[in-house]
C-alpha atoms as a PDB file:
ATOM      1  CA  MET A   1     -52.926 -33.521  69.180  1.00  0.00           C
ATOM      2  CA  ALA A   2     -51.823 -37.065  69.970  1.00  0.00           C
ATOM      3  CA  VAL A   3     -48.577 -35.761  71.475  1.00  0.00           C
ATOM      4  CA  PHE A   4     -50.538 -33.293  73.607  1.00  0.00           C
ATOM      5  CA  GLY A   5     -52.747 -36.096  74.884  1.00  0.00           C
ATOM      6  CA  TYR A   6     -49.756 -38.291  75.693  1.00  0.00           C
ATOM      7  CA  GLN A   7     -47.939 -35.534  77.562  1.00  0.00           C
ATOM      8  CA  TYR A   8     -51.045 -34.429  79.436  1.00  0.00           C
ATOM      9  CA  HIS A   9     -51.590 -37.939  80.740  1.00  0.00           C
ATOM     10  CA  HIS A  10     -47.945 -38.837  81.416  1.00  0.00           C
ATOM     11  CA  ASN A  11     -46.267 -35.567  82.463  1.00  0.00           C
ATOM     12  CA  GLU A  12     -47.523 -34.562  85.905  1.00  0.00           C
ATOM     13  CA  ILE A  13     -46.049 -31.057  85.844  1.00  0.00           C
ATOM     14  CA  TYR A  14     -47.545 -30.301  82.437  1.00  0.00           C
ATOM     15  CA  ARG A  15     -50.907 -31.790  83.458  1.00  0.00           C
ATOM     16  CA  GLN A  16     -51.018 -29.620  86.586  1.00  0.00           C
ATOM     17  CA  PHE A  17     -50.252 -26.546  84.487  1.00  0.00           C
ATOM     18  CA  CYS A  18     -52.982 -27.393  81.952  1.00  0.00           C
ATOM     19  CA  ASN A  19     -55.518 -28.016  84.712  1.00  0.00           C
ATOM     20  CA  ALA A  20     -54.611 -24.738  86.418  1.00  0.00           C
ATOM     21  CA  ILE A  21     -55.504 -22.761  83.291  1.00  0.00           C
ATOM     22  CA  HIS A  22     -58.521 -24.995  82.545  1.00  0.00           C
ATOM     23  CA  ARG A  23     -57.262 -26.407  79.274  1.00  0.00           C
ATOM     24  CA  THR A  24     -57.449 -30.178  78.954  1.00  0.00           C
ATOM     25  CA  PRO A  25     -57.736 -32.674  76.075  1.00  0.00           C
ATOM     26  CA  ALA A  26     -61.509 -32.475  76.485  1.00  0.00           C
ATOM     27  CA  THR A  27     -61.522 -28.725  75.804  1.00  0.00           C
ATOM     28  CA  ILE A  28     -58.830 -28.442  73.109  1.00  0.00           C
ATOM     29  CA  GLN A  29     -60.143 -28.506  69.548  1.00  0.00           C
ATOM     30  CA  GLN A  30     -57.161 -27.203  67.548  1.00  0.00           C
ATOM     31  CA  THR A  31     -53.394 -27.037  67.851  1.00  0.00           C
ATOM     32  CA  ILE A  32     -53.307 -23.296  68.443  1.00  0.00           C
ATOM     33  CA  ASP A  33     -55.282 -23.789  71.692  1.00  0.00           C
ATOM     34  CA  ILE A  34     -52.817 -26.252  73.247  1.00  0.00           C
ATOM     35  CA  PRO A  35     -51.248 -24.820  76.442  1.00  0.00           C
ATOM     36  CA  PHE A  36     -47.595 -23.793  76.171  1.00  0.00           C
ATOM     37  CA  LEU A  37     -45.550 -24.418  79.298  1.00  0.00           C
ATOM     38  CA  PRO A  38     -43.445 -21.424  80.422  1.00  0.00           C
ATOM     39  CA  ILE A  39     -39.819 -22.274  79.724  1.00  0.00           C
ATOM     40  CA  SER A  40     -38.874 -21.262  83.272  1.00  0.00           C
ATOM     41  CA  PHE A  41     -40.458 -24.511  84.519  1.00  0.00           C
ATOM     42  CA  PHE A  42     -37.306 -26.301  83.344  1.00  0.00           C
ATOM     43  CA  LYS A  43     -35.443 -24.388  86.065  1.00  0.00           C
ATOM     44  CA  THR A  44     -37.842 -25.142  88.885  1.00  0.00           C
ATOM     45  CA  HIS A  45     -39.330 -28.543  88.052  1.00  0.00           C
ATOM     46  CA  ARG A  46     -38.389 -31.903  86.584  1.00  0.00           C
ATOM     47  CA  VAL A  47     -40.317 -31.641  83.309  1.00  0.00           C
ATOM     48  CA  VAL A  48     -40.438 -35.250  82.194  1.00  0.00           C
ATOM     49  CA  ALA A  49     -42.967 -37.983  81.448  1.00  0.00           C
ATOM     50  CA  ASP A  50     -43.563 -40.738  83.972  1.00  0.00           C
ATOM     51  CA  THR A  51     -42.374 -43.169  81.284  1.00  0.00           C
ATOM     52  CA  CYS A  52     -38.896 -41.619  81.588  1.00  0.00           C
ATOM     53  CA  GLU A  53     -37.582 -43.461  84.644  1.00  0.00           C
ATOM     54  CA  PHE A  54     -33.936 -43.534  83.592  1.00  0.00           C
ATOM     55  CA  PRO A  55     -33.025 -40.620  81.273  1.00  0.00           C
ATOM     56  CA  GLU A  56     -30.163 -41.330  78.878  1.00  0.00           C
ATOM     57  CA  LEU A  57     -29.050 -37.685  78.681  1.00  0.00           C
ATOM     58  CA  LEU A  58     -29.171 -34.560  80.794  1.00  0.00           C
ATOM     59  CA  PHE A  59     -28.778 -31.134  79.195  1.00  0.00           C
ATOM     60  CA  GLU A  60     -28.192 -28.052  81.347  1.00  0.00           C
ATOM     61  CA  SER A  61     -28.256 -24.398  80.371  1.00  0.00           C
ATOM     62  CA  SER A  62     -25.244 -22.197  80.960  1.00  0.00           C
ATOM     63  CA  GLY A  63     -27.086 -19.396  82.728  1.00  0.00           C
ATOM     64  CA  THR A  64     -25.097 -16.736  84.537  1.00  0.00           C
ATOM     65  CA  THR A  65     -23.422 -16.572  87.922  1.00  0.00           C
ATOM     66  CA  GLY A  66     -26.049 -17.004  90.634  1.00  0.00           C
ATOM     67  CA  ASP A  67     -28.742 -18.029  88.173  1.00  0.00           C
ATOM     68  CA  VAL A  68     -30.566 -21.361  88.314  1.00  0.00           C
ATOM     69  CA  ASN A  69     -29.797 -23.568  85.317  1.00  0.00           C
ATOM     70  CA  SER A  70     -32.482 -25.216  83.238  1.00  0.00           C
ATOM     71  CA  ARG A  71     -32.322 -29.011  83.220  1.00  0.00           C
ATOM     72  CA  HIS A  72     -33.713 -31.097  80.365  1.00  0.00           C
ATOM     73  CA  TYR A  73     -33.908 -34.856  80.932  1.00  0.00           C
ATOM     74  CA  VAL A  74     -33.794 -36.787  77.662  1.00  0.00           C
ATOM     75  CA  GLN A  75     -35.166 -40.313  77.763  1.00  0.00           C
ATOM     76  CA  ASP A  76     -34.161 -41.435  74.274  1.00  0.00           C
ATOM     77  CA  ALA A  77     -30.800 -40.255  72.927  1.00  0.00           C
ATOM     78  CA  LYS A  78     -31.452 -42.045  69.635  1.00  0.00           C
ATOM     79  CA  LEU A  79     -34.691 -40.120  69.060  1.00  0.00           C
ATOM     80  CA  TYR A  80     -32.853 -36.849  69.678  1.00  0.00           C
ATOM     81  CA  GLU A  81     -30.031 -37.762  67.311  1.00  0.00           C
ATOM     82  CA  GLN A  82     -32.468 -38.827  64.589  1.00  0.00           C
ATOM     83  CA  SER A  83     -34.245 -35.478  64.857  1.00  0.00           C
ATOM     84  CA  LEU A  84     -30.957 -33.556  64.868  1.00  0.00           C
ATOM     85  CA  LEU A  85     -29.612 -35.342  61.799  1.00  0.00           C
ATOM     86  CA  ALA A  86     -32.888 -35.053  59.889  1.00  0.00           C
ATOM     87  CA  GLY A  87     -32.965 -31.323  60.550  1.00  0.00           C
ATOM     88  CA  PHE A  88     -29.344 -30.887  59.523  1.00  0.00           C
ATOM     89  CA  ARG A  89     -29.844 -32.839  56.296  1.00  0.00           C
ATOM     90  CA  GLN A  90     -32.929 -30.752  55.529  1.00  0.00           C
ATOM     91  CA  PHE A  91     -30.780 -27.624  55.217  1.00  0.00           C
ATOM     92  CA  TYR A  92     -27.185 -28.770  54.684  1.00  0.00           C
ATOM     93  CA  GLY A  93     -27.226 -32.285  53.277  1.00  0.00           C
ATOM     94  CA  GLU A  94     -25.148 -35.140  54.642  1.00  0.00           C
ATOM     95  CA  PRO A  95     -22.676 -34.363  57.462  1.00  0.00           C
ATOM     96  CA  GLN A  96     -20.105 -36.499  55.608  1.00  0.00           C
ATOM     97  CA  GLN A  97     -19.622 -33.607  53.170  1.00  0.00           C
ATOM     98  CA  TYR A  98     -18.078 -31.427  55.843  1.00  0.00           C
ATOM     99  CA  ALA A  99     -15.144 -31.188  58.158  1.00  0.00           C
ATOM    100  CA  ILE A 100     -17.034 -29.926  61.206  1.00  0.00           C
ATOM    101  CA  ILE A 101     -15.166 -27.671  63.602  1.00  0.00           C
ATOM    102  CA  GLY A 102     -16.522 -26.340  66.882  1.00  0.00           C
ATOM    103  CA  LEU A 103     -15.245 -23.080  68.355  1.00  0.00           C
ATOM    104  CA  LEU A 104     -17.110 -23.343  71.636  1.00  0.00           C
ATOM    105  CA  PRO A 105     -15.059 -22.100  74.595  1.00  0.00           C
ATOM    106  CA  SER A 106     -17.056 -21.920  77.848  1.00  0.00           C
ATOM    107  CA  TYR A 107     -19.394 -24.646  76.561  1.00  0.00           C
ATOM    108  CA  LEU A 108     -16.549 -27.145  76.442  1.00  0.00           C
ATOM    109  CA  GLU A 109     -15.506 -26.104  79.929  1.00  0.00           C
ATOM    110  CA  ARG A 110     -18.715 -27.332  81.564  1.00  0.00           C
ATOM    111  CA  GLN A 111     -20.731 -30.525  81.540  1.00  0.00           C
ATOM    112  CA  ASN A 112     -24.064 -31.305  79.906  1.00  0.00           C
ATOM    113  CA  ALA A 113     -24.074 -28.568  77.257  1.00  0.00           C
ATOM    114  CA  SER A 114     -26.567 -29.508  74.541  1.00  0.00           C
ATOM    115  CA  LEU A 115     -24.619 -27.490  71.944  1.00  0.00           C
ATOM    116  CA  VAL A 116     -21.482 -29.553  72.553  1.00  0.00           C
ATOM    117  CA  TYR A 117     -23.441 -32.811  72.341  1.00  0.00           C
ATOM    118  CA  MET A 118     -25.091 -31.655  69.107  1.00  0.00           C
ATOM    119  CA  SER A 119     -21.715 -30.803  67.595  1.00  0.00           C
ATOM    120  CA  LYS A 120     -20.245 -34.148  68.671  1.00  0.00           C
ATOM    121  CA  VAL A 121     -23.062 -36.044  66.951  1.00  0.00           C
ATOM    122  CA  LEU A 122     -22.525 -34.117  63.725  1.00  0.00           C
ATOM    123  CA  MET A 123     -18.765 -34.689  63.914  1.00  0.00           C
ATOM    124  CA  GLU A 124     -19.244 -38.417  64.445  1.00  0.00           C
ATOM    125  CA  HIS A 125     -21.460 -38.636  61.372  1.00  0.00           C
ATOM    126  CA  SER A 126     -19.019 -36.533  59.381  1.00  0.00           C
ATOM    127  CA  GLY A 127     -16.094 -38.838  60.070  1.00  0.00           C
ATOM    128  CA  HIS A 128     -13.586 -36.324  58.688  1.00  0.00           C
ATOM    129  CA  PRO A 129     -10.208 -36.541  60.473  1.00  0.00           C
ATOM    130  CA  ASP A 130     -10.065 -32.771  60.980  1.00  0.00           C
ATOM    131  CA  CYS A 131     -13.332 -32.589  62.901  1.00  0.00           C
ATOM    132  CA  GLY A 132     -12.822 -31.337  66.419  1.00  0.00           C
ATOM    133  CA  PHE A 133     -13.254 -28.674  69.079  1.00  0.00           C
ATOM    134  CA  TYR A 134     -11.089 -25.657  69.786  1.00  0.00           C
ATOM    135  CA  LEU A 135     -10.904 -23.487  72.871  1.00  0.00           C
ATOM    136  CA  ASN A 136      -8.569 -20.565  72.252  1.00  0.00           C
ATOM    137  CA  GLU A 137      -6.017 -22.192  69.924  1.00  0.00           C
ATOM    138  CA  PHE A 138      -6.556 -19.634  67.189  1.00  0.00           C
ATOM    139  CA  ASP A 139      -3.195 -20.224  65.527  1.00  0.00           C
ATOM    140  CA  LYS A 140      -3.827 -23.952  65.237  1.00  0.00           C
ATOM    141  CA  LEU A 141      -7.377 -23.382  63.998  1.00  0.00           C
ATOM    142  CA  SER A 142      -6.159 -20.896  61.394  1.00  0.00           C
ATOM    143  CA  ASN A 143      -3.665 -23.423  60.053  1.00  0.00           C
ATOM    144  CA  VAL A 144      -6.300 -26.165  59.848  1.00  0.00           C
ATOM    145  CA  LEU A 145      -8.747 -23.922  57.995  1.00  0.00           C
ATOM    146  CA  ALA A 146      -6.043 -22.755  55.577  1.00  0.00           C
ATOM    147  CA  ARG A 147      -5.087 -26.357  54.808  1.00  0.00           C
ATOM    148  CA  LEU A 148      -8.700 -27.418  54.241  1.00  0.00           C
ATOM    149  CA  GLU A 149      -9.395 -24.361  52.094  1.00  0.00           C
ATOM    150  CA  ALA A 150      -6.338 -25.134  49.953  1.00  0.00           C
ATOM    151  CA  VAL A 151      -7.742 -28.534  48.986  1.00  0.00           C
ATOM    152  CA  GLY A 152     -11.330 -27.319  48.532  1.00  0.00           C
ATOM    153  CA  GLN A 153     -12.726 -29.241  51.498  1.00  0.00           C
ATOM    154  CA  LYS A 154     -16.153 -28.070  52.654  1.00  0.00           C
ATOM    155  CA  VAL A 155     -16.013 -26.951  56.277  1.00  0.00           C
ATOM    156  CA  LEU A 156     -18.717 -26.142  58.802  1.00  0.00           C
ATOM    157  CA  LEU A 157     -17.369 -23.811  61.485  1.00  0.00           C
ATOM    158  CA  ILE A 158     -19.815 -23.740  64.409  1.00  0.00           C
ATOM    159  CA  GLY A 159     -19.003 -21.085  66.950  1.00  0.00           C
ATOM    160  CA  VAL A 160     -20.308 -19.093  69.868  1.00  0.00           C
ATOM    161  CA  THR A 161     -20.458 -15.457  68.840  1.00  0.00           C
ATOM    162  CA  PHE A 162     -17.787 -13.949  71.065  1.00  0.00           C
ATOM    163  CA  ALA A 163     -15.261 -16.619  70.053  1.00  0.00           C
ATOM    164  CA  LEU A 164     -15.950 -16.186  66.342  1.00  0.00           C
ATOM    165  CA  LEU A 165     -15.435 -12.440  66.684  1.00  0.00           C
ATOM    166  CA  ASP A 166     -12.198 -12.897  68.630  1.00  0.00           C
ATOM    167  CA  PHE A 167     -10.910 -15.345  66.031  1.00  0.00           C
ATOM    168  CA  ALA A 168     -11.977 -13.192  63.076  1.00  0.00           C
ATOM    169  CA  GLU A 169     -10.253 -10.131  64.496  1.00  0.00           C
ATOM    170  CA  ALA A 170      -7.050 -12.089  65.066  1.00  0.00           C
ATOM    171  CA  TYR A 171      -7.078 -13.973  61.747  1.00  0.00           C
ATOM    172  CA  SER A 172      -8.538 -12.347  58.664  1.00  0.00           C
ATOM    173  CA  MET A 173      -8.669 -14.799  55.745  1.00  0.00           C
ATOM    174  CA  GLN A 174     -10.686 -15.781  52.715  1.00  0.00           C
ATOM    175  CA  LEU A 175     -13.008 -18.697  53.416  1.00  0.00           C
ATOM    176  CA  LYS A 176     -14.335 -19.889  50.066  1.00  0.00           C
ATOM    177  CA  HIS A 177     -15.315 -23.384  51.169  1.00  0.00           C
ATOM    178  CA  THR A 178     -16.308 -22.734  54.782  1.00  0.00           C
ATOM    179  CA  THR A 179     -19.821 -22.222  56.130  1.00  0.00           C
ATOM    180  CA  VAL A 180     -19.705 -20.068  59.258  1.00  0.00           C
ATOM    181  CA  MET A 181     -22.526 -20.750  61.728  1.00  0.00           C
ATOM    182  CA  GLU A 182     -22.932 -18.637  64.849  1.00  0.00           C
ATOM    183  CA  THR A 183     -24.968 -19.883  67.774  1.00  0.00           C
ATOM    184  CA  GLY A 184     -25.448 -16.539  69.506  1.00  0.00           C
ATOM    185  CA  GLY A 185     -24.239 -15.324  72.855  1.00  0.00           C
ATOM    186  CA  MET A 186     -21.565 -12.993  74.148  1.00  0.00           C
ATOM    187  CA  LYS A 187     -21.577 -14.470  77.686  1.00  0.00           C
ATOM    188  CA  GLY A 188     -20.361 -11.145  79.018  1.00  0.00           C
ATOM    189  CA  ARG A 189     -17.064 -11.521  77.163  1.00  0.00           C
ATOM    190  CA  ARG A 190     -17.593  -8.587  74.802  1.00  0.00           C
ATOM    191  CA  GLN A 191     -19.779  -5.553  74.331  1.00  0.00           C
ATOM    192  CA  GLU A 192     -23.158  -6.642  73.003  1.00  0.00           C
ATOM    193  CA  MET A 193     -23.663  -6.243  69.256  1.00  0.00           C
ATOM    194  CA  THR A 194     -26.662  -6.755  67.021  1.00  0.00           C
ATOM    195  CA  ARG A 195     -26.712  -9.818  64.814  1.00  0.00           C
ATOM    196  CA  THR A 196     -26.302  -7.579  61.773  1.00  0.00           C
ATOM    197  CA  GLN A 197     -23.162  -6.021  63.257  1.00  0.00           C
ATOM    198  CA  VAL A 198     -21.739  -9.437  64.110  1.00  0.00           C
ATOM    199  CA  HIS A 199     -22.433 -10.852  60.667  1.00  0.00           C
ATOM    200  CA  ASP A 200     -21.044  -7.801  58.893  1.00  0.00           C
ATOM    201  CA  THR A 201     -17.814  -8.092  60.881  1.00  0.00           C
ATOM    202  CA  LEU A 202     -17.422 -11.801  60.155  1.00  0.00           C
ATOM    203  CA  LYS A 203     -18.259 -11.377  56.473  1.00  0.00           C
ATOM    204  CA  GLN A 204     -15.691  -8.631  56.098  1.00  0.00           C
ATOM    205  CA  GLN A 205     -12.914 -10.457  57.947  1.00  0.00           C
ATOM    206  CA  TRP A 206     -13.448 -13.782  56.183  1.00  0.00           C
ATOM    207  CA  GLN A 207     -14.786 -12.583  52.825  1.00  0.00           C
ATOM    208  CA  VAL A 208     -17.903 -14.756  52.993  1.00  0.00           C
ATOM    209  CA  ASP A 209     -21.247 -13.861  51.420  1.00  0.00           C
ATOM    210  CA  ALA A 210     -23.350 -14.912  54.397  1.00  0.00           C
ATOM    211  CA  VAL A 211     -23.076 -16.030  58.003  1.00  0.00           C
ATOM    212  CA  HIS A 212     -25.483 -18.731  59.107  1.00  0.00           C
ATOM    213  CA  SER A 213     -27.200 -18.935  62.494  1.00  0.00           C
ATOM    214  CA  GLU A 214     -28.535 -21.791  64.599  1.00  0.00           C
ATOM    215  CA  TYR A 215     -31.533 -21.391  66.902  1.00  0.00           C
ATOM    216  CA  GLY A 216     -31.693 -23.909  69.681  1.00  0.00           C
ATOM    217  CA  MET A 217     -31.695 -24.126  73.443  1.00  0.00           C
ATOM    218  CA  THR A 218     -31.402 -26.562  76.315  1.00  0.00           C
ATOM    219  CA  GLU A 219     -35.167 -26.998  76.515  1.00  0.00           C
ATOM    220  CA  LEU A 220     -35.558 -27.843  72.813  1.00  0.00           C
ATOM    221  CA  LEU A 221     -34.285 -30.920  71.001  1.00  0.00           C
ATOM    222  CA  SER A 222     -35.046 -29.537  67.521  1.00  0.00           C
ATOM    223  CA  GLN A 223     -33.208 -26.711  65.791  1.00  0.00           C
ATOM    224  CA  ALA A 224     -33.940 -23.936  63.330  1.00  0.00           C
ATOM    225  CA  TYR A 225     -31.355 -22.544  60.927  1.00  0.00           C
ATOM    226  CA  ALA A 226     -30.922 -19.174  59.244  1.00  0.00           C
ATOM    227  CA  LEU A 227     -28.901 -19.457  56.044  1.00  0.00           C
ATOM    228  CA  GLN A 228     -28.904 -15.707  55.520  1.00  0.00           C
ATOM    229  CA  ASP A 229     -30.280 -12.432  56.879  1.00  0.00           C
ATOM    230  CA  GLY A 230     -31.157 -13.924  60.273  1.00  0.00           C
ATOM    231  CA  ILE A 231     -34.406 -15.470  58.985  1.00  0.00           C
ATOM    232  CA  PHE A 232     -34.791 -18.861  60.640  1.00  0.00           C
ATOM    233  CA  GLN A 233     -36.414 -21.879  59.024  1.00  0.00           C
ATOM    234  CA  PRO A 234     -37.609 -24.498  61.532  1.00  0.00           C
ATOM    235  CA  SER A 235     -36.758 -28.138  60.982  1.00  0.00           C
ATOM    236  CA  ALA A 236     -39.546 -30.612  60.251  1.00  0.00           C
ATOM    237  CA  THR A 237     -40.077 -31.464  63.945  1.00  0.00           C
ATOM    238  CA  MET A 238     -40.480 -27.800  64.970  1.00  0.00           C
ATOM    239  CA  LYS A 239     -43.300 -25.307  64.496  1.00  0.00           C
ATOM    240  CA  VAL A 240     -43.282 -21.722  65.728  1.00  0.00           C
ATOM    241  CA  LEU A 241     -46.251 -19.647  66.859  1.00  0.00           C
ATOM    242  CA  VAL A 242     -46.410 -16.210  68.493  1.00  0.00           C
ATOM    243  CA  ARG A 243     -48.292 -15.182  71.618  1.00  0.00           C
ATOM    244  CA  ASP A 244     -49.370 -11.709  72.603  1.00  0.00           C
ATOM    245  CA  ILE A 245     -46.873 -10.074  74.971  1.00  0.00           C
ATOM    246  CA  ASN A 246     -49.658  -8.954  77.320  1.00  0.00           C
ATOM    247  CA  ASP A 247     -52.031 -11.914  76.908  1.00  0.00           C
ATOM    248  CA  PRO A 248     -50.215 -15.280  76.768  1.00  0.00           C
ATOM    249  CA  MET A 249     -53.445 -17.080  75.874  1.00  0.00           C
ATOM    250  CA  GLU A 250     -53.716 -15.190  72.586  1.00  0.00           C
ATOM    251  CA  VAL A 251     -51.670 -17.208  70.094  1.00  0.00           C
ATOM    252  CA  ARG A 252     -51.298 -16.465  66.384  1.00  0.00           C
ATOM    253  CA  THR A 253     -49.731 -18.090  63.337  1.00  0.00           C
ATOM    254  CA  SER A 254     -47.996 -14.895  62.167  1.00  0.00           C
ATOM    255  CA  GLY A 255     -47.029 -11.452  63.384  1.00  0.00           C
ATOM    256  CA  ASN A 256     -44.883 -10.125  66.217  1.00  0.00           C
ATOM    257  CA  GLY A 257     -44.846 -11.373  69.788  1.00  0.00           C
ATOM    258  CA  CYS A 258     -43.246 -13.886  72.112  1.00  0.00           C
ATOM    259  CA  LEU A 259     -42.251 -17.150  70.491  1.00  0.00           C
ATOM    260  CA  ASN A 260     -44.111 -20.362  71.314  1.00  0.00           C
ATOM    261  CA  ILE A 261     -42.369 -23.489  70.069  1.00  0.00           C
ATOM    262  CA  ILE A 262     -43.858 -26.868  69.229  1.00  0.00           C
ATOM    263  CA  ASP A 263     -41.016 -29.392  69.304  1.00  0.00           C
ATOM    264  CA  LEU A 264     -42.097 -32.939  68.517  1.00  0.00           C
ATOM    265  CA  ALA A 265     -38.633 -34.248  69.402  1.00  0.00           C
ATOM    266  CA  ASN A 266     -39.460 -33.322  73.021  1.00  0.00           C
ATOM    267  CA  LEU A 267     -41.742 -36.336  73.122  1.00  0.00           C
ATOM    268  CA  HIS A 268     -40.903 -37.414  76.667  1.00  0.00           C
ATOM    269  CA  SER A 269     -40.563 -33.964  78.234  1.00  0.00           C
ATOM    270  CA  CYS A 270     -42.806 -31.183  76.888  1.00  0.00           C
ATOM    271  CA  SER A 271     -43.343 -30.378  73.221  1.00  0.00           C
ATOM    272  CA  PHE A 272     -45.157 -27.088  73.856  1.00  0.00           C
ATOM    273  CA  ILE A 273     -42.802 -24.405  75.146  1.00  0.00           C
ATOM    274  CA  ALA A 274     -43.495 -20.714  75.753  1.00  0.00           C
ATOM    275  CA  THR A 275     -40.055 -19.163  75.315  1.00  0.00           C
ATOM    276  CA  GLU A 276     -38.862 -15.760  76.528  1.00  0.00           C
ATOM    277  CA  ASP A 277     -37.714 -14.731  73.055  1.00  0.00           C
ATOM    278  CA  ILE A 278     -39.495 -11.979  71.150  1.00  0.00           C
ATOM    279  CA  GLY A 279     -39.735 -12.445  67.418  1.00  0.00           C
ATOM    280  CA  SER A 280     -41.498 -11.888  64.146  1.00  0.00           C
ATOM    281  CA  LEU A 281     -43.248 -14.873  62.559  1.00  0.00           C
ATOM    282  CA  ARG A 282     -43.979 -14.975  58.844  1.00  0.00           C
ATOM    283  CA  ALA A 283     -46.899 -16.693  57.168  1.00  0.00           C
ATOM    284  CA  ASP A 284     -44.587 -19.344  55.683  1.00  0.00           C
ATOM    285  CA  GLY A 285     -43.428 -20.419  59.167  1.00  0.00           C
ATOM    286  CA  SER A 286     -40.038 -18.720  59.057  1.00  0.00           C
ATOM    287  CA  PHE A 287     -39.195 -16.322  61.864  1.00  0.00           C
ATOM    288  CA  GLU A 288     -36.772 -13.719  63.124  1.00  0.00           C
ATOM    289  CA  VAL A 289     -35.607 -13.296  66.719  1.00  0.00           C
ATOM    290  CA  LEU A 290     -35.818  -9.664  67.794  1.00  0.00           C
ATOM    291  CA  GLY A 291     -34.734  -9.877  71.421  1.00  0.00           C
ATOM    292  CA  ARG A 292     -35.699 -11.096  74.871  1.00  0.00           C
ATOM    293  CA  MET A 293     -38.545 -10.304  77.236  1.00  0.00           C
ATOM    294  CA  ASP A 294     -37.511  -7.607  79.706  1.00  0.00           C
ATOM    295  CA  HIS A 295     -37.805  -9.866  82.758  1.00  0.00           C
ATOM    296  CA  ALA A 296     -36.067 -12.840  81.137  1.00  0.00           C
ATOM    297  CA  ALA A 297     -32.842 -13.928  82.791  1.00  0.00           C
ATOM    298  CA  LEU A 298     -29.704 -13.507  80.752  1.00  0.00           C
ATOM    299  CA  ARG A 299     -28.571 -16.788  79.242  1.00  0.00           C
ATOM    300  CA  GLY A 300     -25.248 -17.753  77.796  1.00  0.00           C
ATOM    301  CA  CYS A 301     -26.802 -18.907  74.539  1.00  0.00           C
ATOM    302  CA  SER A 302     -29.335 -16.082  74.241  1.00  0.00           C
ATOM    303  CA  LEU A 303     -29.540 -14.477  70.836  1.00  0.00           C
ATOM    304  CA  MET A 304     -28.613 -10.870  70.333  1.00  0.00           C
ATOM    305  CA  ALA A 305     -31.319  -8.241  70.138  1.00  0.00           C
ATOM    306  CA  VAL A 306     -31.631  -6.523  66.804  1.00  0.00           C
END
């Protein structure tokens, strides 16, 4: 509630939205009643607190040709990195355990991609000499993975879905010590597949028991991770609610609907985001992403519909 009060008083765009729907700090009694800003506002407005005069970071969504990109101004890079690392440690332990490899073509080819920045931070805290990014150097990547596997080095392979599939089809191997994490998205490079189809393909080609997933986006500074079966667990700075598809004011703590995200790491932008993802929320706070709202613009990092 304190974060809501701060953002209402210091974020003009959010305050105008709250006033327009007649929900203010004076009328809000519980967290579930806090207004959630439509995520599309990040495309059309500068969603930032008046305390954020000189942002340290700018994240932009990939979008599609002709689409307007979302822009997320980040006042405090250190706060973001602390949240990122705390969330990673919550599920995976210390980054130093891993050689972290990013297979992120298209993201590397543009500026201000939050996924690239996230990966860089994890690589820096890993410190392993084989950390790095790859575009389409599949032969080189295959050799690096084989060498690391031979010595039993734990590896985290973070990849955009289409690139992981391309690599897996070109290089089938046994990855005993590698955690494969897909971040979603075909970006028009391949025929769309369900997450189950993608994971089954990767598991077969690389002989792994599970494929992990990361849920994040330009407008969020916190992440959720699915260690198996596409069931995401939010990090400590994230809470997920669901809103009714036909009545956005009806918000619940479980069930099916559109996902509303509380992200406390978004302290100086907006912590209450109404996404365009459709999902299923469980009573324990875990959730599954089922697809996108029909009118939602295609996004490069959008997750695949089940």
